Protein backbone atom coordinates (compact mmCIF):
# COMPACT_ATOMS: atom_id res chain seq x y z
CA UNK A 1 0.00 0.00 0.00
CA UNK A 2 1.28 3.46 -0.91
CA UNK A 3 0.19 6.21 1.48
CA UNK A 4 0.12 9.85 0.33
CA UNK A 5 -0.19 12.71 2.81
CA UNK A 6 -0.75 16.13 1.31
CA UNK A 7 1.02 19.17 2.68
CA UNK A 8 -0.69 20.82 5.70
CA UNK A 9 -3.31 18.04 5.92
CA UNK A 10 -3.65 15.19 8.38
CA UNK A 11 -5.66 12.76 6.26
CA UNK A 12 -3.87 10.08 4.24
CA UNK A 13 -4.87 8.79 0.80
CA UNK A 14 -4.19 5.15 -0.09
CA UNK A 15 -3.10 3.84 -3.47
CA UNK A 16 -2.88 0.14 -4.21
CA UNK A 17 0.52 -1.23 -5.27
CA UNK A 18 -1.24 -3.28 -7.96
CA UNK A 19 -2.21 -0.07 -9.81
CA UNK A 20 1.34 1.31 -9.99
CA UNK A 21 4.56 -0.05 -11.55
CA UNK A 22 6.81 2.94 -10.77
CA UNK A 23 6.89 6.08 -8.66
CA UNK A 24 8.50 9.23 -10.07
CA UNK A 25 9.50 11.79 -7.43
CA UNK A 26 9.77 15.51 -8.19
CA UNK A 27 10.82 18.27 -5.78
CA UNK A 28 9.52 21.83 -6.13
CA UNK A 29 11.32 24.61 -4.27
CA UNK A 30 10.15 28.23 -4.09
CA UNK A 31 12.63 30.72 -2.71
CA UNK A 32 12.69 34.45 -2.18
CA UNK A 33 14.86 36.57 -4.42
CA UNK A 34 15.68 40.26 -4.44
CA UNK A 35 12.92 42.87 -4.13
CA UNK A 36 10.15 40.57 -2.91
CA UNK A 37 10.09 38.27 -5.92
CA UNK A 38 9.98 34.49 -5.83
CA UNK A 39 11.76 31.92 -7.93
CA UNK A 40 10.48 28.39 -8.44
CA UNK A 41 12.73 25.48 -9.34
CA UNK A 42 11.71 21.91 -10.03
CA UNK A 43 14.06 18.97 -9.56
CA UNK A 44 13.63 15.39 -10.75
CA UNK A 45 14.62 13.13 -7.84
CA UNK A 46 14.33 9.91 -9.81
CA UNK A 47 12.32 6.71 -10.02
CA UNK A 48 11.36 3.96 -7.60
CA UNK A 49 10.83 0.62 -9.33
CA UNK A 50 8.34 -1.85 -7.84
CA UNK A 51 7.18 0.33 -4.91
CA UNK A 52 5.93 -1.44 -1.78
CA UNK A 53 4.74 -0.13 1.58
CA UNK A 54 5.76 3.50 1.25
CA UNK A 55 4.48 6.69 2.84
CA UNK A 56 5.13 9.97 1.05
CA UNK A 57 4.52 13.19 3.00
CA UNK A 58 4.48 16.93 2.09
CA UNK A 59 2.88 16.11 -1.27
CA UNK A 60 1.74 19.12 -3.28
CA UNK A 61 0.14 17.12 -6.08
CA UNK A 62 0.18 13.67 -7.67
CA UNK A 63 -1.25 11.84 -10.65
CA UNK A 64 -1.31 8.30 -12.01
CA UNK A 65 -0.71 8.02 -15.74
CA UNK A 66 0.23 4.84 -17.64
CA UNK A 67 0.74 2.93 -14.35
CA UNK A 68 3.28 5.55 -13.18
CA UNK A 69 2.57 7.52 -10.00
CA UNK A 70 4.12 10.97 -10.42
CA UNK A 71 4.47 12.88 -7.15
CA UNK A 72 5.46 16.52 -6.56
CA UNK A 73 6.72 17.19 -3.03
CA UNK A 74 7.65 20.48 -1.36
CA UNK A 75 9.88 21.00 1.67
PDB file of N, CA and C in Angstrom:
ATOM      1  N   UNK A   1       0.843  -1.174   0.000  1.00  0.00           N
ATOM      2  CA  UNK A   1       0.000   0.000   0.000  1.00  0.00           C
ATOM      3  C   UNK A   1       0.893   1.244   0.000  1.00  0.00           C
ATOM      4  N   UNK A   2       0.567   2.188  -0.848  1.00  0.00           N
ATOM      5  CA  UNK A   2       1.279   3.462  -0.912  1.00  0.00           C
ATOM      6  C   UNK A   2       0.389   4.511  -0.255  1.00  0.00           C
ATOM      7  N   UNK A   3       0.934   5.186   0.746  1.00  0.00           N
ATOM      8  CA  UNK A   3       0.195   6.209   1.478  1.00  0.00           C
ATOM      9  C   UNK A   3       0.702   7.588   1.063  1.00  0.00           C
ATOM     10  N   UNK A   4      -0.223   8.489   0.757  1.00  0.00           N
ATOM     11  CA  UNK A   4       0.116   9.849   0.330  1.00  0.00           C
ATOM     12  C   UNK A   4      -0.522  10.830   1.294  1.00  0.00           C
ATOM     13  N   UNK A   5       0.309  11.682   1.902  1.00  0.00           N
ATOM     14  CA  UNK A   5      -0.192  12.712   2.810  1.00  0.00           C
ATOM     15  C   UNK A   5       0.118  14.070   2.196  1.00  0.00           C
ATOM     16  N   UNK A   6      -0.928  14.805   1.908  1.00  0.00           N
ATOM     17  CA  UNK A   6      -0.750  16.126   1.306  1.00  0.00           C
ATOM     18  C   UNK A   6      -0.211  17.119   2.336  1.00  0.00           C
ATOM     19  N   UNK A   7       0.428  18.145   1.825  1.00  0.00           N
ATOM     20  CA  UNK A   7       1.021  19.169   2.677  1.00  0.00           C
ATOM     21  C   UNK A   7      -0.054  19.889   3.480  1.00  0.00           C
ATOM     22  N   UNK A   8       0.193  20.116   4.757  1.00  0.00           N
ATOM     23  CA  UNK A   8      -0.693  20.816   5.697  1.00  0.00           C
ATOM     24  C   UNK A   8      -2.012  20.092   5.940  1.00  0.00           C
ATOM     25  N   UNK A   9      -2.097  18.802   5.660  1.00  0.00           N
ATOM     26  CA  UNK A   9      -3.314  18.042   5.920  1.00  0.00           C
ATOM     27  C   UNK A   9      -2.966  16.791   6.709  1.00  0.00           C
ATOM     28  N   UNK A  10      -3.891  16.360   7.551  1.00  0.00           N
ATOM     29  CA  UNK A  10      -3.651  15.193   8.382  1.00  0.00           C
ATOM     30  C   UNK A  10      -4.148  13.896   7.754  1.00  0.00           C
ATOM     31  N   UNK A  11      -5.112  13.989   6.840  1.00  0.00           N
ATOM     32  CA  UNK A  11      -5.662  12.764   6.261  1.00  0.00           C
ATOM     33  C   UNK A  11      -4.689  12.158   5.249  1.00  0.00           C
ATOM     34  N   UNK A  12      -4.774  10.828   5.101  1.00  0.00           N
ATOM     35  CA  UNK A  12      -3.868  10.076   4.241  1.00  0.00           C
ATOM     36  C   UNK A  12      -4.681   9.374   3.161  1.00  0.00           C
ATOM     37  N   UNK A  13      -4.223   9.483   1.919  1.00  0.00           N
ATOM     38  CA  UNK A  13      -4.867   8.791   0.805  1.00  0.00           C
ATOM     39  C   UNK A  13      -4.100   7.506   0.518  1.00  0.00           C
ATOM     40  N   UNK A  14      -4.816   6.445   0.163  1.00  0.00           N
ATOM     41  CA  UNK A  14      -4.194   5.149  -0.088  1.00  0.00           C
ATOM     42  C   UNK A  14      -4.271   4.811  -1.570  1.00  0.00           C
ATOM     43  N   UNK A  15      -3.159   4.296  -2.087  1.00  0.00           N
ATOM     44  CA  UNK A  15      -3.098   3.841  -3.471  1.00  0.00           C
ATOM     45  C   UNK A  15      -2.595   2.405  -3.448  1.00  0.00           C
ATOM     46  N   UNK A  16      -3.261   1.544  -4.173  1.00  0.00           N
ATOM     47  CA  UNK A  16      -2.880   0.138  -4.214  1.00  0.00           C
ATOM     48  C   UNK A  16      -1.598  -0.047  -5.030  1.00  0.00           C
ATOM     49  N   UNK A  17      -0.720  -0.936  -4.551  1.00  0.00           N
ATOM     50  CA  UNK A  17       0.520  -1.229  -5.272  1.00  0.00           C
ATOM     51  C   UNK A  17       0.240  -1.897  -6.611  1.00  0.00           C
ATOM     52  N   UNK A  18      -0.892  -2.580  -6.721  1.00  0.00           N
ATOM     53  CA  UNK A  18      -1.239  -3.284  -7.961  1.00  0.00           C
ATOM     54  C   UNK A  18      -1.534  -2.313  -9.100  1.00  0.00           C
ATOM     55  N   UNK A  19      -1.885  -1.068  -8.787  1.00  0.00           N
ATOM     56  CA  UNK A  19      -2.213  -0.071  -9.806  1.00  0.00           C
ATOM     57  C   UNK A  19      -0.991   0.677 -10.332  1.00  0.00           C
ATOM     58  N   UNK A  20       0.168   0.488  -9.684  1.00  0.00           N
ATOM     59  CA  UNK A  20       1.344   1.306  -9.987  1.00  0.00           C
ATOM     60  C   UNK A  20       2.561   0.408 -10.206  1.00  0.00           C
ATOM     61  N   UNK A  21       3.310   0.666 -11.291  1.00  0.00           N
ATOM     62  CA  UNK A  21       4.563  -0.050 -11.550  1.00  0.00           C
ATOM     63  C   UNK A  21       5.774   0.738 -11.064  1.00  0.00           C
ATOM     64  N   UNK A  22       5.699   2.072 -11.159  1.00  0.00           N
ATOM     65  CA  UNK A  22       6.814   2.937 -10.770  1.00  0.00           C
ATOM     66  C   UNK A  22       6.300   4.183 -10.076  1.00  0.00           C
ATOM     67  N   UNK A  23       7.184   4.790  -9.277  1.00  0.00           N
ATOM     68  CA  UNK A  23       6.893   6.084  -8.659  1.00  0.00           C
ATOM     69  C   UNK A  23       7.980   7.051  -9.120  1.00  0.00           C
ATOM     70  N   UNK A  24       7.563   8.179  -9.664  1.00  0.00           N
ATOM     71  CA  UNK A  24       8.501   9.227 -10.066  1.00  0.00           C
ATOM     72  C   UNK A  24       8.378  10.361  -9.066  1.00  0.00           C
ATOM     73  N   UNK A  25       9.496  10.732  -8.443  1.00  0.00           N
ATOM     74  CA  UNK A  25       9.503  11.792  -7.433  1.00  0.00           C
ATOM     75  C   UNK A  25      10.056  13.087  -8.019  1.00  0.00           C
ATOM     76  N   UNK A  26       9.353  14.175  -7.766  1.00  0.00           N
ATOM     77  CA  UNK A  26       9.772  15.511  -8.185  1.00  0.00           C
ATOM     78  C   UNK A  26       9.758  16.422  -6.964  1.00  0.00           C
ATOM     79  N   UNK A  27      10.722  17.321  -6.890  1.00  0.00           N
ATOM     80  CA  UNK A  27      10.819  18.267  -5.783  1.00  0.00           C
ATOM     81  C   UNK A  27      10.640  19.673  -6.331  1.00  0.00           C
ATOM     82  N   UNK A  28       9.732  20.438  -5.736  1.00  0.00           N
ATOM     83  CA  UNK A  28       9.519  21.829  -6.126  1.00  0.00           C
ATOM     84  C   UNK A  28       9.925  22.750  -4.994  1.00  0.00           C
ATOM     85  N   UNK A  29      10.828  23.674  -5.286  1.00  0.00           N
ATOM     86  CA  UNK A  29      11.318  24.609  -4.267  1.00  0.00           C
ATOM     87  C   UNK A  29      11.015  26.033  -4.725  1.00  0.00           C
ATOM     88  N   UNK A  30      10.395  26.810  -3.844  1.00  0.00           N
ATOM     89  CA  UNK A  30      10.146  28.228  -4.095  1.00  0.00           C
ATOM     90  C   UNK A  30      10.992  29.014  -3.104  1.00  0.00           C
ATOM     91  N   UNK A  31      11.791  29.931  -3.612  1.00  0.00           N
ATOM     92  CA  UNK A  31      12.633  30.719  -2.713  1.00  0.00           C
ATOM     93  C   UNK A  31      12.496  32.197  -3.025  1.00  0.00           C
ATOM     94  N   UNK A  32      12.771  32.997  -2.017  1.00  0.00           N
ATOM     95  CA  UNK A  32      12.693  34.446  -2.177  1.00  0.00           C
ATOM     96  C   UNK A  32      13.948  34.940  -2.887  1.00  0.00           C
ATOM     97  N   UNK A  33      13.741  35.910  -3.754  1.00  0.00           N
ATOM     98  CA  UNK A  33      14.861  36.568  -4.415  1.00  0.00           C
ATOM     99  C   UNK A  33      14.740  38.071  -4.155  1.00  0.00           C
ATOM    100  N   UNK A  34      15.623  38.819  -4.684  1.00  0.00           N
ATOM    101  CA  UNK A  34      15.684  40.260  -4.444  1.00  0.00           C
ATOM    102  C   UNK A  34      14.355  40.968  -4.728  1.00  0.00           C
ATOM    103  N   UNK A  35      14.056  41.965  -3.938  1.00  0.00           N
ATOM    104  CA  UNK A  35      12.915  42.871  -4.130  1.00  0.00           C
ATOM    105  C   UNK A  35      11.559  42.191  -4.015  1.00  0.00           C
ATOM    106  N   UNK A  36      11.439  41.185  -3.173  1.00  0.00           N
ATOM    107  CA  UNK A  36      10.145  40.568  -2.909  1.00  0.00           C
ATOM    108  C   UNK A  36       9.674  39.555  -3.933  1.00  0.00           C
ATOM    109  N   UNK A  37      10.483  39.251  -4.912  1.00  0.00           N
ATOM    110  CA  UNK A  37      10.091  38.267  -5.921  1.00  0.00           C
ATOM    111  C   UNK A  37      10.315  36.840  -5.432  1.00  0.00           C
ATOM    112  N   UNK A  38       9.802  35.898  -6.165  1.00  0.00           N
ATOM    113  CA  UNK A  38       9.975  34.485  -5.835  1.00  0.00           C
ATOM    114  C   UNK A  38      10.433  33.734  -7.082  1.00  0.00           C
ATOM    115  N   UNK A  39      11.253  32.748  -6.844  1.00  0.00           N
ATOM    116  CA  UNK A  39      11.756  31.922  -7.931  1.00  0.00           C
ATOM    117  C   UNK A  39      11.405  30.471  -7.640  1.00  0.00           C
ATOM    118  N   UNK A  40      10.861  29.785  -8.622  1.00  0.00           N
ATOM    119  CA  UNK A  40      10.477  28.391  -8.435  1.00  0.00           C
ATOM    120  C   UNK A  40      11.383  27.500  -9.272  1.00  0.00           C
ATOM    121  N   UNK A  41      11.894  26.444  -8.642  1.00  0.00           N
ATOM    122  CA  UNK A  41      12.730  25.479  -9.340  1.00  0.00           C
ATOM    123  C   UNK A  41      12.167  24.096  -9.098  1.00  0.00           C
ATOM    124  N   UNK A  42      12.149  23.289 -10.131  1.00  0.00           N
ATOM    125  CA  UNK A  42      11.706  21.905 -10.031  1.00  0.00           C
ATOM    126  C   UNK A  42      12.895  20.983 -10.264  1.00  0.00           C
ATOM    127  N   UNK A  43      12.991  19.948  -9.450  1.00  0.00           N
ATOM    128  CA  UNK A  43      14.061  18.968  -9.560  1.00  0.00           C
ATOM    129  C   UNK A  43      13.460  17.580  -9.714  1.00  0.00           C
ATOM    130  N   UNK A  44      14.038  16.779 -10.575  1.00  0.00           N
ATOM    131  CA  UNK A  44      13.635  15.392 -10.754  1.00  0.00           C
ATOM    132  C   UNK A  44      14.494  14.550  -9.815  1.00  0.00           C
ATOM    133  N   UNK A  45      13.871  13.924  -8.815  1.00  0.00           N
ATOM    134  CA  UNK A  45      14.620  13.134  -7.840  1.00  0.00           C
ATOM    135  C   UNK A  45      14.838  11.695  -8.283  1.00  0.00           C
ATOM    136  N   UNK A  46      14.114  11.252  -9.291  1.00  0.00           N
ATOM    137  CA  UNK A  46      14.334   9.910  -9.813  1.00  0.00           C
ATOM    138  C   UNK A  46      13.118   9.015  -9.707  1.00  0.00           C
ATOM    139  N   UNK A  47      13.366   7.721  -9.948  1.00  0.00           N
ATOM    140  CA  UNK A  47      12.316   6.711 -10.017  1.00  0.00           C
ATOM    141  C   UNK A  47      12.463   5.690  -8.909  1.00  0.00           C
ATOM    142  N   UNK A  48      11.359   5.111  -8.505  1.00  0.00           N
ATOM    143  CA  UNK A  48      11.355   3.963  -7.598  1.00  0.00           C
ATOM    144  C   UNK A  48      10.656   2.839  -8.349  1.00  0.00           C
ATOM    145  N   UNK A  49      11.392   1.778  -8.632  1.00  0.00           N
ATOM    146  CA  UNK A  49      10.831   0.623  -9.335  1.00  0.00           C
ATOM    147  C   UNK A  49      10.176  -0.304  -8.324  1.00  0.00           C
ATOM    148  N   UNK A  50       9.062  -0.888  -8.676  1.00  0.00           N
ATOM    149  CA  UNK A  50       8.339  -1.852  -7.835  1.00  0.00           C
ATOM    150  C   UNK A  50       8.123  -1.329  -6.413  1.00  0.00           C
ATOM    151  N   UNK A  51       7.382  -0.252  -6.245  1.00  0.00           N
ATOM    152  CA  UNK A  51       7.179   0.327  -4.910  1.00  0.00           C
ATOM    153  C   UNK A  51       6.318  -0.571  -4.029  1.00  0.00           C
ATOM    154  N   UNK A  52       6.696  -0.658  -2.755  1.00  0.00           N
ATOM    155  CA  UNK A  52       5.932  -1.437  -1.781  1.00  0.00           C
ATOM    156  C   UNK A  52       5.975  -0.720  -0.445  1.00  0.00           C
ATOM    157  N   UNK A  53       4.839  -0.669   0.224  1.00  0.00           N
ATOM    158  CA  UNK A  53       4.735  -0.131   1.584  1.00  0.00           C
ATOM    159  C   UNK A  53       5.510   1.171   1.769  1.00  0.00           C
ATOM    160  N   UNK A  54       5.103   2.213   1.083  1.00  0.00           N
ATOM    161  CA  UNK A  54       5.756   3.500   1.252  1.00  0.00           C
ATOM    162  C   UNK A  54       4.758   4.552   1.711  1.00  0.00           C
ATOM    163  N   UNK A  55       5.283   5.538   2.436  1.00  0.00           N
ATOM    164  CA  UNK A  55       4.484   6.690   2.839  1.00  0.00           C
ATOM    165  C   UNK A  55       5.230   7.928   2.362  1.00  0.00           C
ATOM    166  N   UNK A  56       4.538   8.755   1.589  1.00  0.00           N
ATOM    167  CA  UNK A  56       5.135   9.972   1.052  1.00  0.00           C
ATOM    168  C   UNK A  56       4.396  11.150   1.675  1.00  0.00           C
ATOM    169  N   UNK A  57       5.134  12.045   2.323  1.00  0.00           N
ATOM    170  CA  UNK A  57       4.525  13.192   2.997  1.00  0.00           C
ATOM    171  C   UNK A  57       4.903  14.482   2.268  1.00  0.00           C
ATOM    172  N   UNK A  58       4.329  15.582   2.677  1.00  0.00           N
ATOM    173  CA  UNK A  58       4.479  16.927   2.094  1.00  0.00           C
ATOM    174  C   UNK A  58       4.253  16.911   0.582  1.00  0.00           C
ATOM    175  N   UNK A  59       3.209  16.229   0.152  1.00  0.00           N
ATOM    176  CA  UNK A  59       2.881  16.109  -1.270  1.00  0.00           C
ATOM    177  C   UNK A  59       2.048  17.312  -1.700  1.00  0.00           C
ATOM    178  N   UNK A  60       2.509  17.998  -2.721  1.00  0.00           N
ATOM    179  CA  UNK A  60       1.741  19.116  -3.277  1.00  0.00           C
ATOM    180  C   UNK A  60       0.678  18.595  -4.236  1.00  0.00           C
ATOM    181  N   UNK A  61       1.064  17.664  -5.098  1.00  0.00           N
ATOM    182  CA  UNK A  61       0.137  17.116  -6.081  1.00  0.00           C
ATOM    183  C   UNK A  61       0.660  15.764  -6.542  1.00  0.00           C
ATOM    184  N   UNK A  62      -0.231  14.944  -7.080  1.00  0.00           N
ATOM    185  CA  UNK A  62       0.177  13.670  -7.670  1.00  0.00           C
ATOM    186  C   UNK A  62      -0.819  13.262  -8.735  1.00  0.00           C
ATOM    187  N   UNK A  63      -0.365  12.387  -9.633  1.00  0.00           N
ATOM    188  CA  UNK A  63      -1.253  11.836 -10.653  1.00  0.00           C
ATOM    189  C   UNK A  63      -0.741  10.462 -11.071  1.00  0.00           C
ATOM    190  N   UNK A  64      -1.666   9.620 -11.507  1.00  0.00           N
ATOM    191  CA  UNK A  64      -1.312   8.302 -12.011  1.00  0.00           C
ATOM    192  C   UNK A  64      -1.605   8.302 -13.506  1.00  0.00           C
ATOM    193  N   UNK A  65      -0.556   8.044 -14.289  1.00  0.00           N
ATOM    194  CA  UNK A  65      -0.710   8.017 -15.742  1.00  0.00           C
ATOM    195  C   UNK A  65       0.137   6.871 -16.289  1.00  0.00           C
ATOM    196  N   UNK A  66      -0.457   5.995 -17.053  1.00  0.00           N
ATOM    197  CA  UNK A  66       0.230   4.836 -17.642  1.00  0.00           C
ATOM    198  C   UNK A  66       0.936   3.999 -16.579  1.00  0.00           C
ATOM    199  N   UNK A  67       0.247   3.736 -15.477  1.00  0.00           N
ATOM    200  CA  UNK A  67       0.739   2.929 -14.354  1.00  0.00           C
ATOM    201  C   UNK A  67       1.983   3.528 -13.677  1.00  0.00           C
ATOM    202  N   UNK A  68       2.187   4.837 -13.840  1.00  0.00           N
ATOM    203  CA  UNK A  68       3.281   5.550 -13.181  1.00  0.00           C
ATOM    204  C   UNK A  68       2.670   6.597 -12.263  1.00  0.00           C
ATOM    205  N   UNK A  69       3.012   6.529 -10.981  1.00  0.00           N
ATOM    206  CA  UNK A  69       2.570   7.515 -10.003  1.00  0.00           C
ATOM    207  C   UNK A  69       3.606   8.632  -9.974  1.00  0.00           C
ATOM    208  N   UNK A  70       3.219   9.822 -10.420  1.00  0.00           N
ATOM    209  CA  UNK A  70       4.125  10.967 -10.420  1.00  0.00           C
ATOM    210  C   UNK A  70       3.741  11.877  -9.263  1.00  0.00           C
ATOM    211  N   UNK A  71       4.715  12.150  -8.395  1.00  0.00           N
ATOM    212  CA  UNK A  71       4.473  12.881  -7.155  1.00  0.00           C
ATOM    213  C   UNK A  71       5.340  14.133  -7.128  1.00  0.00           C
ATOM    214  N   UNK A  72       4.729  15.272  -6.760  1.00  0.00           N
ATOM    215  CA  UNK A  72       5.460  16.523  -6.557  1.00  0.00           C
ATOM    216  C   UNK A  72       5.442  16.829  -5.062  1.00  0.00           C
ATOM    217  N   UNK A  73       6.623  16.893  -4.456  1.00  0.00           N
ATOM    218  CA  UNK A  73       6.717  17.195  -3.030  1.00  0.00           C
ATOM    219  C   UNK A  73       7.368  18.563  -2.846  1.00  0.00           C
ATOM    220  N   UNK A  74       7.063  19.185  -1.701  1.00  0.00           N
ATOM    221  CA  UNK A  74       7.650  20.478  -1.356  1.00  0.00           C
ATOM    222  C   UNK A  74       8.182  20.406   0.066  1.00  0.00           C
ATOM    223  N   UNK A  75       9.335  21.011   0.308  1.00  0.00           N
ATOM    224  CA  UNK A  75       9.882  21.004   1.675  1.00  0.00           C
ATOM    225  C   UNK A  75       9.110  21.926   2.592  1.00  0.00           C
TER     226      UNK A  75
END
